[in-house]
């Protein structure tokens, strides 16, 4: 079946022309589609430094606690000291950017809520590297710099938060340091957010601010608990794997959208699922040294991270986390019980592992920023009964856009199986029944960089 479809033909034409006017093109196999990094990305990956990652994790743990309710004025202990240090470090990276990177403290007062007993100022530290070609297109990466002990309201006990989530902040800061000297086509945002342990408050405020500004965020990644591939619980270490949680049915799906999905499918084709496929394509290579285990869930059972704040606003988002967690090292007072060490201590982190996770993030963000944006307005023509399939989409605005590719797969297949290059057009008709397979459209630039695919909606 798959071999036969590999030789199906397609026709393409611009929207103003007859859809069958262009010559037929032979389909090609679309997978596996591991994309080797180019010279610029290989240089970026080489610069990511495990020693610098270690220094960040140790510094953040040295503040004793970074609880959201801890001191904001003590210069050496508490979340305020951590905030100020992160801000200063990011400013030092921005100094090498030639003015392209700016750093801000995004503060707001969180009212009383179940885990906030008194109105509390929460501050996100955000570094923005403005794109040089399509700056309106934005990609976001976060880690949360707050920590907690066993009691979620305990703001005084030691809560070093080395894995949860100094490791994620170290990833974000190392990315900011290395990429500050580059000129991505699109805008990259590196954020250390607060209030995560109390209810995702920092990322919630950040995501809403972007939504209020109608910011075109095409992908967001949370790095939360990415400290080690060895949980230290007697199981076999897995130092070359990172999990990526990607939802299927969009969190922001409306009732009308749900009715359409129940009729024609698409549970595995939301924008976040497409991000998961893209990450596997660009970030699994010898230069990162990692496998990405994509998990088709929004997050783990009973837990959640800052990507959910962006999903709620309709932004594609996903969460990186280590392959197996040790819950004695998370959300625990530092103590020894029956010879077992509890607490989120630096000694349980694997800094080369965190650096490899940073390389996965770097490969993903750089590849996204250098490729064209994800195609918009992709629809599949459902106005008539036919055994052919007509797809339409909006033309991209990138100056180096070369054209588009149509991808498809069996409805039971997890990844794209076939691809047709259709040129710089906005309409294509393929001689394949829309009833039998799932389609996507992706953009390609003149250098061969490809966007994530966009699945069509009926129209």
Protein backbone atom coordinates (compact mmCIF):
# COMPACT_ATOMS: atom_id res chain seq x y z
CA UNK A 1 0.00 0.00 0.00
CA UNK A 2 2.66 2.51 1.03
CA UNK A 3 4.85 1.60 -1.94
CA UNK A 4 1.97 2.13 -4.36
CA UNK A 5 1.17 5.54 -2.92
CA UNK A 6 4.81 6.57 -3.25
CA UNK A 7 4.21 6.82 -7.00
CA UNK A 8 0.87 8.63 -6.97
CA UNK A 9 0.90 11.87 -8.91
CA UNK A 10 -0.21 15.35 -8.05
CA UNK A 11 -0.99 18.54 -9.93
CA UNK A 12 -0.61 22.08 -8.69
CA UNK A 13 -1.58 25.55 -9.85
CA UNK A 14 -1.80 29.06 -8.47
CA UNK A 15 -5.16 30.00 -7.04
CA UNK A 16 -6.15 32.02 -10.10
CA UNK A 17 -5.52 29.14 -12.51
CA UNK A 18 -7.29 25.86 -13.14
CA UNK A 19 -6.25 23.42 -10.42
CA UNK A 20 -5.17 20.72 -12.88
CA UNK A 21 -3.14 22.97 -15.18
CA UNK A 22 0.36 22.20 -13.91
CA UNK A 23 2.30 19.07 -14.90
CA UNK A 24 1.98 15.99 -12.74
CA UNK A 25 4.70 15.41 -10.18
CA UNK A 26 5.80 12.10 -8.70
CA UNK A 27 5.44 11.67 -4.96
CA UNK A 28 8.49 10.90 -2.84
CA UNK A 29 8.86 9.16 0.50
CA UNK A 30 8.66 11.71 3.31
CA UNK A 31 10.07 9.67 6.14
CA UNK A 32 12.24 9.07 7.96
CA UNK A 33 13.08 12.74 7.62
CA UNK A 34 15.96 13.44 9.96
CA UNK A 35 17.44 16.74 8.83
CA UNK A 36 21.18 17.07 9.42
CA UNK A 37 22.23 20.42 10.87
CA UNK A 38 23.91 22.94 8.62
CA UNK A 39 27.22 24.61 9.38
CA UNK A 40 25.67 27.50 11.33
CA UNK A 41 23.66 25.18 13.57
CA UNK A 42 26.62 22.85 14.13
CA UNK A 43 28.62 25.85 15.35
CA UNK A 44 25.81 26.80 17.73
CA UNK A 45 25.61 23.28 19.14
CA UNK A 46 29.37 23.17 19.71
CA UNK A 47 29.25 26.37 21.78
CA UNK A 48 26.78 25.00 24.33
CA UNK A 49 28.92 24.39 27.41
CA UNK A 50 28.15 21.91 30.19
CA UNK A 51 30.43 23.81 32.58
CA UNK A 52 28.39 26.99 32.10
CA UNK A 53 25.21 25.00 32.60
CA UNK A 54 26.61 23.65 35.86
CA UNK A 55 27.54 27.14 37.03
CA UNK A 56 23.99 28.36 36.50
CA UNK A 57 22.42 25.43 38.35
CA UNK A 58 24.80 25.79 41.29
CA UNK A 59 24.26 29.55 41.48
CA UNK A 60 20.48 29.22 41.51
CA UNK A 61 20.60 26.50 44.16
CA UNK A 62 22.87 28.71 46.29
CA UNK A 63 20.01 31.14 46.99
CA UNK A 64 18.64 28.61 49.50
CA UNK A 65 15.04 28.91 48.42
CA UNK A 66 13.45 30.54 45.40
CA UNK A 67 9.91 30.13 46.66
CA UNK A 68 7.52 32.66 45.11
CA UNK A 69 6.62 33.89 48.61
CA UNK A 70 10.24 34.15 49.79
CA UNK A 71 12.14 37.41 50.25
CA UNK A 72 12.32 39.75 47.29
CA UNK A 73 14.79 42.09 48.95
CA UNK A 74 17.40 39.87 50.62
CA UNK A 75 20.54 40.13 48.45
CA UNK A 76 21.67 36.53 49.00
CA UNK A 77 18.62 34.37 49.81
CA UNK A 78 15.22 34.09 48.22
CA UNK A 79 13.52 34.63 44.92
CA UNK A 80 14.46 38.32 44.71
CA UNK A 81 18.17 37.55 44.76
CA UNK A 82 17.69 34.88 42.10
CA UNK A 83 15.64 37.26 39.95
CA UNK A 84 18.29 39.97 40.10
CA UNK A 85 21.11 37.57 39.26
CA UNK A 86 19.26 36.11 36.25
CA UNK A 87 18.49 39.63 35.01
CA UNK A 88 22.13 40.71 35.29
CA UNK A 89 23.39 37.59 33.54
CA UNK A 90 20.96 37.98 30.65
CA UNK A 91 21.94 41.63 30.33
CA UNK A 92 25.57 40.57 30.01
CA UNK A 93 24.62 38.23 27.17
CA UNK A 94 22.60 40.98 25.50
CA UNK A 95 25.67 43.22 25.50
CA UNK A 96 27.17 40.94 22.83
CA UNK A 97 24.09 41.09 20.58
CA UNK A 98 24.73 44.42 18.89
CA UNK A 99 21.47 45.78 20.24
CA UNK A 100 19.33 42.93 18.91
CA UNK A 101 18.65 41.43 22.35
CA UNK A 102 16.76 43.31 25.07
CA UNK A 103 16.10 42.15 28.63
CA UNK A 104 13.13 43.12 30.79
CA UNK A 105 11.59 42.43 34.19
CA UNK A 106 7.91 41.72 33.63
CA UNK A 107 6.25 42.22 37.02
CA UNK A 108 2.65 42.04 38.18
CA UNK A 109 0.81 41.61 41.47
CA UNK A 110 -0.90 38.25 41.82
CA UNK A 111 -4.07 38.55 43.95
CA UNK A 112 -4.88 36.15 46.78
CA UNK A 113 -5.47 32.65 45.46
CA UNK A 114 -5.28 29.10 46.85
CA UNK A 115 -1.46 29.10 46.88
CA UNK A 116 -0.96 32.87 47.23
CA UNK A 117 -2.12 33.89 50.74
CA UNK A 118 -1.37 37.61 50.28
CA UNK A 119 -1.08 39.78 47.16
CA UNK A 120 2.40 39.02 45.82
CA UNK A 121 4.59 40.54 43.15
CA UNK A 122 5.68 37.95 40.60
CA UNK A 123 8.40 38.78 38.08
CA UNK A 124 9.37 37.09 34.83
CA UNK A 125 12.84 37.78 33.42
CA UNK A 126 12.57 37.93 29.62
CA UNK A 127 15.28 38.26 26.99
CA UNK A 128 14.06 38.96 23.46
CA UNK A 129 16.33 38.50 20.43
CA UNK A 130 14.68 40.37 17.59
CA UNK A 131 14.53 38.62 14.23
CA UNK A 132 16.34 40.17 11.30
CA UNK A 133 13.92 39.19 8.51
CA UNK A 134 10.47 38.40 9.94
CA UNK A 135 10.62 39.80 13.48
CA UNK A 136 6.84 39.59 13.89
CA UNK A 137 7.14 35.78 13.95
CA UNK A 138 8.05 34.65 17.48
CA UNK A 139 9.31 31.46 19.17
CA UNK A 140 9.43 31.20 22.98
CA UNK A 141 11.42 28.98 25.35
CA UNK A 142 11.02 29.01 29.15
CA UNK A 143 12.19 27.52 32.42
CA UNK A 144 10.76 28.48 35.82
CA UNK A 145 13.11 29.84 38.43
CA UNK A 146 10.87 29.49 41.49
CA UNK A 147 11.19 26.42 43.71
CA UNK A 148 9.30 24.77 46.56
CA UNK A 149 9.62 22.42 49.53
CA UNK A 150 7.12 19.77 50.66
CA UNK A 151 4.60 22.35 51.88
CA UNK A 152 3.70 24.49 48.88
CA UNK A 153 3.26 27.49 51.20
CA UNK A 154 6.61 27.02 52.99
CA UNK A 155 8.65 30.05 51.89
CA UNK A 156 11.47 29.72 54.43
CA UNK A 157 12.81 26.14 54.35
CA UNK A 158 15.64 25.27 51.99
CA UNK A 159 14.32 24.50 48.51
CA UNK A 160 17.36 24.35 46.23
CA UNK A 161 15.28 23.36 43.18
CA UNK A 162 18.28 22.10 41.23
CA UNK A 163 16.38 19.83 38.86
CA UNK A 164 12.98 21.51 39.28
CA UNK A 165 13.73 23.84 37.69
CA UNK A 166 17.21 25.35 37.82
CA UNK A 167 18.00 22.81 35.09
CA UNK A 168 15.38 24.34 32.78
CA UNK A 169 16.52 27.88 33.55
CA UNK A 170 20.10 26.83 32.80
CA UNK A 171 18.95 25.57 29.39
CA UNK A 172 17.21 28.87 28.67
CA UNK A 173 20.15 30.99 29.80
CA UNK A 174 22.70 28.97 27.85
CA UNK A 175 20.55 29.30 24.74
CA UNK A 176 20.35 33.06 25.28
CA UNK A 177 24.12 33.30 25.73
CA UNK A 178 24.99 31.35 22.60
CA UNK A 179 22.29 32.78 20.32
CA UNK A 180 22.76 36.41 21.39
CA UNK A 181 25.62 36.70 18.89
CA UNK A 182 23.52 35.28 16.02
CA UNK A 183 20.95 36.87 13.74
CA UNK A 184 17.90 34.60 13.52
CA UNK A 185 15.34 35.41 10.84
CA UNK A 186 12.48 35.29 13.36
CA UNK A 187 12.34 36.58 16.93
CA UNK A 188 13.43 34.31 19.79
CA UNK A 189 12.30 34.82 23.40
CA UNK A 190 14.19 33.32 26.36
CA UNK A 191 12.23 33.57 29.60
CA UNK A 192 12.81 32.59 33.23
CA UNK A 193 9.31 32.66 34.68
CA UNK A 194 8.18 32.63 38.30
CA UNK A 195 5.07 31.47 40.15
CA UNK A 196 4.99 28.10 38.41
CA UNK A 197 4.82 26.04 41.59
CA UNK A 198 1.98 28.21 42.91
CA UNK A 199 -0.17 27.81 39.80
CA UNK A 200 1.65 28.75 36.56
CA UNK A 201 1.07 32.41 37.38
CA UNK A 202 4.16 33.87 35.74
CA UNK A 203 3.68 32.10 32.42
CA UNK A 204 -0.06 32.77 32.56
CA UNK A 205 0.60 36.52 32.76
CA UNK A 206 3.25 36.32 30.05
CA UNK A 207 1.05 34.35 27.65
CA UNK A 208 -1.88 36.70 28.19
CA UNK A 209 0.30 39.73 27.55
CA UNK A 210 1.34 38.21 24.22
CA UNK A 211 -2.26 37.36 23.36
CA UNK A 212 -3.41 40.88 24.22
CA UNK A 213 -0.75 42.22 21.86
CA UNK A 214 -1.83 39.75 19.17
CA UNK A 215 1.74 38.38 19.05
CA UNK A 216 2.34 35.74 16.41
CA UNK A 217 3.86 33.00 18.59
CA UNK A 218 4.28 29.97 16.34
CA UNK A 219 5.87 27.70 18.96
CA UNK A 220 6.58 27.68 22.69
CA UNK A 221 8.64 25.16 24.67
CA UNK A 222 8.81 24.73 28.44
CA UNK A 223 11.93 23.09 29.89
CA UNK A 224 10.85 21.76 33.27
CA UNK A 225 12.81 19.04 35.14
CA UNK A 226 15.53 18.35 32.56
CA UNK A 227 18.34 17.66 35.04
CA UNK A 228 19.33 14.04 34.52
CA UNK A 229 18.80 10.84 32.59
CA UNK A 230 19.59 8.82 35.73
CA UNK A 231 16.82 8.97 38.34
CA UNK A 232 19.02 7.20 40.88
CA UNK A 233 16.26 4.78 41.82
CA UNK A 234 17.98 1.59 40.72
CA UNK A 235 16.53 1.60 37.21
CA UNK A 236 18.70 1.71 34.11
CA UNK A 237 19.86 5.25 33.28
CA UNK A 238 18.70 6.75 30.00
CA UNK A 239 21.13 9.65 29.47
CA UNK A 240 20.40 10.05 25.75
CA UNK A 241 16.64 10.56 25.85
CA UNK A 242 14.44 13.55 26.63
CA UNK A 243 10.66 13.42 26.67
CA UNK A 244 8.57 15.92 24.75
CA UNK A 245 4.92 16.17 25.77
CA UNK A 246 2.63 17.37 22.98
CA UNK A 247 -1.13 17.54 23.19
CA UNK A 248 -3.43 16.17 20.50
CA UNK A 249 -6.83 17.80 20.80
CA UNK A 250 -6.04 21.50 21.31
CA UNK A 251 -6.66 22.81 24.81
CA UNK A 252 -8.27 25.90 23.24
CA UNK A 253 -10.58 23.95 20.94
CA UNK A 254 -14.06 25.47 20.58
CA UNK A 255 -17.32 23.52 20.49
CA UNK A 256 -17.61 24.12 16.74
CA UNK A 257 -14.07 22.91 16.16
CA UNK A 258 -14.77 19.81 18.25
CA UNK A 259 -17.81 18.98 16.12
CA UNK A 260 -15.71 19.20 12.97
CA UNK A 261 -12.94 17.08 14.46
CA UNK A 262 -15.35 14.36 15.56
CA UNK A 263 -16.57 14.16 11.97
CA UNK A 264 -13.30 14.13 10.03
CA UNK A 265 -10.56 13.35 12.58
CA UNK A 266 -7.46 15.37 13.35
CA UNK A 267 -6.82 14.30 16.94
CA UNK A 268 -3.17 13.74 16.04
CA UNK A 269 -2.76 16.77 13.81
CA UNK A 270 -3.12 19.84 16.01
CA UNK A 271 -0.38 22.49 15.85
CA UNK A 272 1.40 21.10 18.92
CA UNK A 273 1.53 17.61 17.41
CA UNK A 274 3.15 19.11 14.35
CA UNK A 275 5.79 20.66 16.62
CA UNK A 276 6.55 17.21 18.00
CA UNK A 277 7.14 15.87 14.51
CA UNK A 278 9.32 18.86 13.66
CA UNK A 279 11.49 18.45 16.77
CA UNK A 280 12.19 14.82 15.92
CA UNK A 281 13.21 15.83 12.41
CA UNK A 282 15.69 18.55 13.35
CA UNK A 283 16.95 17.65 16.83
CA UNK A 284 17.77 13.95 16.66
CA UNK A 285 21.29 13.84 15.26
CA UNK A 286 24.85 13.07 16.36
CA UNK A 287 25.47 16.73 17.16
CA UNK A 288 22.79 16.83 19.88
CA UNK A 289 23.48 13.24 20.93
CA UNK A 290 19.84 12.80 21.95
CA UNK A 291 16.70 10.91 21.10
CA UNK A 292 13.43 12.77 21.55
CA UNK A 293 10.69 10.56 22.98
CA UNK A 294 7.50 12.31 21.89
CA UNK A 295 4.64 11.57 24.28
CA UNK A 296 1.16 12.22 22.91
CA UNK A 297 -0.19 13.86 26.04
CA UNK A 298 -0.41 17.45 27.22
CA UNK A 299 1.65 16.57 30.32
CA UNK A 300 2.19 13.90 32.95
CA UNK A 301 -0.56 12.65 35.27
CA UNK A 302 -1.31 15.05 38.17
CA UNK A 303 1.26 17.57 36.93
CA UNK A 304 1.53 20.49 34.55
CA UNK A 305 4.02 23.07 33.32
CA UNK A 306 4.16 26.52 31.80
CA UNK A 307 3.38 25.41 28.25
CA UNK A 308 -0.22 24.98 29.39
CA UNK A 309 -0.54 28.75 29.84
CA UNK A 310 0.27 29.16 26.15
CA UNK A 311 -1.97 26.29 25.05
CA UNK A 312 -4.88 27.97 26.81
CA UNK A 313 -4.36 31.02 24.56
CA UNK A 314 -4.29 28.94 21.40
CA UNK A 315 -0.50 28.94 20.92
CA UNK A 316 1.28 25.72 19.86
CA UNK A 317 3.34 24.59 22.85
CA UNK A 318 5.12 21.55 24.29
CA UNK A 319 7.10 20.50 27.36
CA UNK A 320 10.58 18.96 27.57
CA UNK A 321 11.33 16.82 30.63
CA UNK A 322 13.73 14.06 31.62
CA UNK A 323 12.89 10.42 30.80
CA UNK A 324 12.15 9.17 34.33
CA UNK A 325 11.63 11.30 37.43
CA UNK A 326 12.64 10.55 41.01
CA UNK A 327 9.86 11.97 43.14
CA UNK A 328 12.03 11.84 46.27
CA UNK A 329 13.97 14.67 44.62
CA UNK A 330 10.98 16.85 43.70
CA UNK A 331 8.76 18.98 45.97
CA UNK A 332 10.50 17.58 49.04
CA UNK A 333 12.09 19.04 52.16
CA UNK A 334 15.84 18.41 52.24
CA UNK A 335 16.23 15.54 54.73
CA UNK A 336 17.44 11.96 55.15
CA UNK A 337 14.89 9.29 56.11
CA UNK A 338 15.91 5.64 56.59
CA UNK A 339 19.12 6.33 54.72
CA UNK A 340 17.30 7.91 51.75
CA UNK A 341 18.25 11.45 50.75
CA UNK A 342 15.24 13.62 49.92
CA UNK A 343 15.32 17.03 48.33
CA UNK A 344 16.11 18.60 44.96
CA UNK A 345 19.88 18.81 45.36
CA UNK A 346 22.59 19.77 42.86
CA UNK A 347 24.32 16.43 43.42
CA UNK A 348 21.48 14.68 41.59
CA UNK A 349 21.97 16.69 38.37
CA UNK A 350 23.92 15.52 35.32
CA UNK A 351 25.30 18.66 33.67
CA UNK A 352 26.36 17.10 30.35
CA UNK A 353 22.80 15.76 30.12
CA UNK A 354 21.35 19.25 30.64
CA UNK A 355 23.73 20.55 27.97
CA UNK A 356 22.44 17.92 25.55
CA UNK A 357 18.87 18.98 26.28
CA UNK A 358 19.98 22.54 25.55
CA UNK A 359 21.30 21.35 22.18
CA UNK A 360 17.93 19.76 21.39
CA UNK A 361 16.29 23.10 22.17
CA UNK A 362 18.86 25.01 20.15
CA UNK A 363 18.42 22.77 17.11
CA UNK A 364 14.66 23.22 17.37
CA UNK A 365 14.58 26.98 17.88
CA UNK A 366 17.23 27.77 15.29
CA UNK A 367 15.59 25.52 12.69
CA UNK A 368 12.20 27.11 13.34
CA UNK A 369 13.59 30.63 13.20
CA UNK A 370 15.46 30.09 9.93
CA UNK A 371 12.64 28.30 8.12
CA UNK A 372 9.53 29.99 6.76
CA UNK A 373 6.57 30.30 9.09
CA UNK A 374 3.98 27.54 9.32
CA UNK A 375 1.48 27.95 6.46
CA UNK A 376 -1.74 29.75 7.40
CA UNK A 377 -5.31 29.30 6.35
CA UNK A 378 -4.85 25.76 5.04
CA UNK A 379 -8.20 24.29 3.96
CA UNK A 380 -9.29 21.15 2.19
CA UNK A 381 -12.07 21.62 -0.35
CA UNK A 382 -15.19 19.77 0.79
CA UNK A 383 -17.71 21.48 -1.51
CA UNK A 384 -18.16 18.47 -3.76
CA UNK A 385 -17.86 14.69 -3.83
CA UNK A 386 -14.66 13.69 -5.62
CA UNK A 387 -11.87 11.16 -5.35
CA UNK A 388 -9.32 13.94 -5.76
CA UNK A 389 -8.20 16.35 -3.04
CA UNK A 390 -7.82 20.10 -3.42
CA UNK A 391 -5.88 22.07 -0.81
CA UNK A 392 -5.62 25.86 -0.50
CA UNK A 393 -3.62 28.16 1.77
CA UNK A 394 -2.46 31.72 2.17
CA UNK A 395 0.78 32.86 0.57
CA UNK A 396 3.66 33.39 2.99
CA UNK A 397 5.43 36.74 3.20
CA UNK A 398 9.04 35.56 3.66
CA UNK A 399 11.36 37.12 1.06
CA UNK A 400 13.29 33.86 0.56
CA UNK A 401 10.22 31.63 0.26
CA UNK A 402 10.78 29.03 -2.47
CA UNK A 403 7.48 27.20 -2.33
CA UNK A 404 5.48 24.53 -0.58
CA UNK A 405 5.28 20.80 -0.08
CA UNK A 406 2.21 18.67 0.46
CA UNK A 407 2.72 15.76 2.85
CA UNK A 408 0.39 12.92 3.69
CA UNK A 409 0.17 9.67 5.57
CA UNK A 410 -2.20 6.82 6.33
CA UNK A 411 -4.71 7.73 9.03
CA UNK A 412 -3.11 5.11 11.29
CA UNK A 413 0.48 6.30 10.75
CA UNK A 414 2.14 8.56 13.34
CA UNK A 415 4.42 10.51 10.96
CA UNK A 416 4.27 11.89 7.44
CA UNK A 417 5.02 9.17 4.88
CA UNK A 418 5.00 10.96 1.50
CA UNK A 419 5.70 14.39 0.08
CA UNK A 420 5.12 16.29 -3.15
CA UNK A 421 6.93 19.50 -4.05
CA UNK A 422 4.27 21.78 -5.53
CA UNK A 423 6.18 25.01 -6.06
CA UNK A 424 5.29 28.54 -5.00
CA UNK A 425 1.53 28.12 -5.33
CA UNK A 426 -1.51 28.51 -3.09
CA UNK A 427 -3.69 25.74 -4.52
CA UNK A 428 -2.95 22.11 -5.28
CA UNK A 429 -5.05 19.17 -6.43
CA UNK A 430 -3.75 15.66 -5.82
CA UNK A 431 -5.14 12.44 -7.20
CA UNK A 432 -5.64 10.92 -3.75
CA UNK A 433 -8.95 10.68 -1.92
CA UNK A 434 -9.19 13.00 1.08
CA UNK A 435 -11.31 10.28 2.71
CA UNK A 436 -8.40 7.86 2.92
CA UNK A 437 -5.36 9.78 4.21
CA UNK A 438 -4.33 12.79 6.30
CA UNK A 439 -2.74 15.79 4.59
CA UNK A 440 -0.46 18.64 5.60
CA UNK A 441 1.21 21.60 3.91
CA UNK A 442 4.65 22.96 4.78
CA UNK A 443 6.69 25.88 3.47
CA UNK A 444 10.26 25.68 2.11
CA UNK A 445 12.79 28.47 1.60
CA UNK A 446 15.53 28.73 -1.00
CA UNK A 447 18.07 27.20 1.39
CA UNK A 448 15.87 24.12 1.85
CA UNK A 449 14.67 24.98 5.38
CA UNK A 450 11.20 23.55 6.00
CA UNK A 451 8.48 24.76 8.35
CA UNK A 452 6.32 22.53 10.50
CA UNK A 453 3.35 21.20 8.56
CA UNK A 454 -0.12 22.63 8.95
CA UNK A 455 -3.10 20.28 8.73
CA UNK A 456 -6.06 21.52 6.67
CA UNK A 457 -9.51 22.36 7.98
CA UNK A 458 -12.62 21.57 5.92
CA UNK A 459 -13.65 24.52 3.76
